[in-house]
């Protein structure tokens, strides 16, 4: 399993999003502008992913994003980041630095489900598609929508 980052056109989003819903994914849509402000990012992600408690820093945000048990989703998670082109670096300022930092944090979530769980739970049994201990990996993909 390989979780991925995709860059897509706005015209492709609805078809992909509907496919994700139909396959049982937990789907979230955000606008890129929230990546420019830590507080807005934390509040938005907490609401979209239904965090059980308030998040006040990036460490707690990461902890929640690498757990997500309360959502009881057996398939995986998908985040669509709309208007991603708006955070491209034209001039480097504080909001771009914050956006890049926030986005780097999101990249870590992509790999959690396939790498970190293996470290924590042991070996991956390819035949039964489960980890020792009964856990199974989940897909976690991010779509950057222009």
Protein backbone atom coordinates (compact mmCIF):
# COMPACT_ATOMS: atom_id res chain seq x y z
CA UNK A 1 0.00 0.00 0.00
CA UNK A 2 1.33 3.44 -0.86
CA UNK A 3 -0.41 6.55 0.38
CA UNK A 4 0.00 9.41 -2.03
CA UNK A 5 -0.19 13.09 -2.77
CA UNK A 6 -2.02 14.01 -5.98
CA UNK A 7 -2.28 17.32 -7.81
CA UNK A 8 -5.54 17.58 -9.73
CA UNK A 9 -7.57 20.14 -11.65
CA UNK A 10 -10.73 21.54 -10.10
CA UNK A 11 -12.73 19.84 -12.87
CA UNK A 12 -11.54 16.40 -11.68
CA UNK A 13 -12.39 16.86 -8.01
CA UNK A 14 -16.08 15.94 -7.92
CA UNK A 15 -15.60 12.64 -9.75
CA UNK A 16 -12.73 11.63 -7.48
CA UNK A 17 -14.54 12.81 -4.34
CA UNK A 18 -17.69 10.86 -5.22
CA UNK A 19 -15.58 7.77 -5.89
CA UNK A 20 -13.93 8.12 -2.47
CA UNK A 21 -17.32 8.46 -0.75
CA UNK A 22 -18.69 5.44 -2.63
CA UNK A 23 -15.69 3.33 -1.60
CA UNK A 24 -16.17 4.23 2.07
CA UNK A 25 -13.42 6.79 2.61
CA UNK A 26 -13.75 9.53 5.20
CA UNK A 27 -13.50 12.65 3.00
CA UNK A 28 -12.58 16.16 4.11
CA UNK A 29 -12.34 19.34 2.05
CA UNK A 30 -10.42 22.41 3.17
CA UNK A 31 -9.28 25.63 1.51
CA UNK A 32 -5.55 26.30 1.27
CA UNK A 33 -5.97 29.61 3.10
CA UNK A 34 -6.25 27.75 6.43
CA UNK A 35 -2.69 26.48 6.01
CA UNK A 36 -1.47 30.04 6.51
CA UNK A 37 -2.68 30.31 10.11
CA UNK A 38 -1.96 27.66 12.75
CA UNK A 39 -4.96 28.49 14.90
CA UNK A 40 -7.39 28.36 11.98
CA UNK A 41 -5.77 25.14 10.73
CA UNK A 42 -6.15 23.45 14.14
CA UNK A 43 -9.73 24.62 14.60
CA UNK A 44 -10.74 23.58 11.08
CA UNK A 45 -9.09 20.16 11.24
CA UNK A 46 -10.60 19.54 14.70
CA UNK A 47 -14.06 20.26 13.30
CA UNK A 48 -13.66 18.33 10.05
CA UNK A 49 -12.19 15.24 11.73
CA UNK A 50 -14.46 15.49 14.79
CA UNK A 51 -11.65 15.56 17.36
CA UNK A 52 -12.91 14.56 20.82
CA UNK A 53 -11.04 17.46 22.47
CA UNK A 54 -9.74 20.91 21.58
CA UNK A 55 -6.29 21.08 19.98
CA UNK A 56 -4.02 23.91 21.02
CA UNK A 57 -0.72 23.09 19.33
CA UNK A 58 0.72 21.23 16.37
CA UNK A 59 1.81 18.26 18.51
CA UNK A 60 -1.74 17.56 19.63
CA UNK A 61 -2.97 18.02 16.05
CA UNK A 62 -0.45 15.41 14.88
CA UNK A 63 -1.44 13.05 17.69
CA UNK A 64 -5.09 13.21 16.67
CA UNK A 65 -4.34 12.88 12.96
CA UNK A 66 -2.31 9.74 13.57
CA UNK A 67 -5.09 8.17 15.64
CA UNK A 68 -8.58 8.87 14.23
CA UNK A 69 -10.02 5.76 15.98
CA UNK A 70 -13.18 7.63 16.99
CA UNK A 71 -14.16 7.90 13.30
CA UNK A 72 -14.33 4.10 13.07
CA UNK A 73 -13.40 4.12 9.39
CA UNK A 74 -12.09 0.81 8.06
CA UNK A 75 -11.10 2.05 4.58
CA UNK A 76 -9.13 5.28 4.77
CA UNK A 77 -9.03 9.06 4.74
CA UNK A 78 -8.86 11.65 1.99
CA UNK A 79 -8.18 15.37 2.25
CA UNK A 80 -8.88 17.71 -0.64
CA UNK A 81 -7.00 21.02 -0.36
CA UNK A 82 -8.82 23.50 -2.61
CA UNK A 83 -7.10 26.47 -4.29
CA UNK A 84 -3.68 25.02 -3.57
CA UNK A 85 -2.10 27.27 -6.20
CA UNK A 86 -2.81 30.23 -3.91
CA UNK A 87 -0.05 29.21 -1.51
CA UNK A 88 2.62 28.87 -4.19
CA UNK A 89 5.68 30.94 -3.38
CA UNK A 90 5.65 34.14 -5.37
CA UNK A 91 7.15 36.22 -2.62
CA UNK A 92 8.40 34.62 0.55
CA UNK A 93 6.68 36.03 3.60
CA UNK A 94 5.53 34.82 7.01
CA UNK A 95 2.22 33.42 5.77
CA UNK A 96 4.01 31.31 3.12
CA UNK A 97 6.45 30.01 5.75
CA UNK A 98 3.54 29.02 8.00
CA UNK A 99 1.73 27.39 5.07
CA UNK A 100 4.82 25.38 4.13
CA UNK A 101 5.29 24.28 7.74
CA UNK A 102 1.64 23.26 8.04
CA UNK A 103 1.79 21.40 4.74
CA UNK A 104 4.94 19.54 5.82
CA UNK A 105 3.05 18.43 8.91
CA UNK A 106 0.25 17.11 6.73
CA UNK A 107 2.77 15.14 4.67
CA UNK A 108 3.72 13.16 7.78
CA UNK A 109 0.13 11.94 8.05
CA UNK A 110 0.36 10.39 4.57
CA UNK A 111 2.98 7.91 5.68
CA UNK A 112 1.77 7.18 9.19
CA UNK A 113 -0.70 4.49 8.21
CA UNK A 114 1.81 2.44 6.23
CA UNK A 115 5.09 3.00 8.09
CA UNK A 116 4.50 4.08 11.68
CA UNK A 117 1.88 1.43 12.45
CA UNK A 118 4.33 -1.22 11.23
CA UNK A 119 6.91 0.00 13.76
CA UNK A 120 4.39 0.03 16.58
CA UNK A 121 2.50 -3.18 15.92
CA UNK A 122 5.05 -5.46 14.33
CA UNK A 123 5.19 -7.27 11.05
CA UNK A 124 2.86 -6.95 8.09
CA UNK A 125 1.23 -10.19 6.96
CA UNK A 126 0.81 -9.72 3.21
CA UNK A 127 -1.43 -12.75 2.82
CA UNK A 128 -4.08 -11.69 5.34
CA UNK A 129 -3.38 -7.95 4.83
CA UNK A 130 -3.18 -7.31 8.55
CA UNK A 131 -0.53 -6.36 11.07
CA UNK A 132 0.23 -8.60 14.00
CA UNK A 133 -2.16 -7.56 16.74
CA UNK A 134 -5.09 -7.35 14.33
CA UNK A 135 -4.64 -3.76 13.14
CA UNK A 136 -4.74 -3.07 9.44
CA UNK A 137 -3.32 -0.13 7.50
CA UNK A 138 -5.59 2.55 6.15
CA UNK A 139 -5.25 4.66 3.07
CA UNK A 140 -4.50 8.32 3.65
CA UNK A 141 -4.29 10.44 0.52
CA UNK A 142 -4.14 14.17 -0.05
CA UNK A 143 -5.43 15.83 -3.23
CA UNK A 144 -4.13 19.29 -4.10
CA UNK A 145 -6.84 20.98 -6.16
CA UNK A 146 -5.83 23.89 -8.42
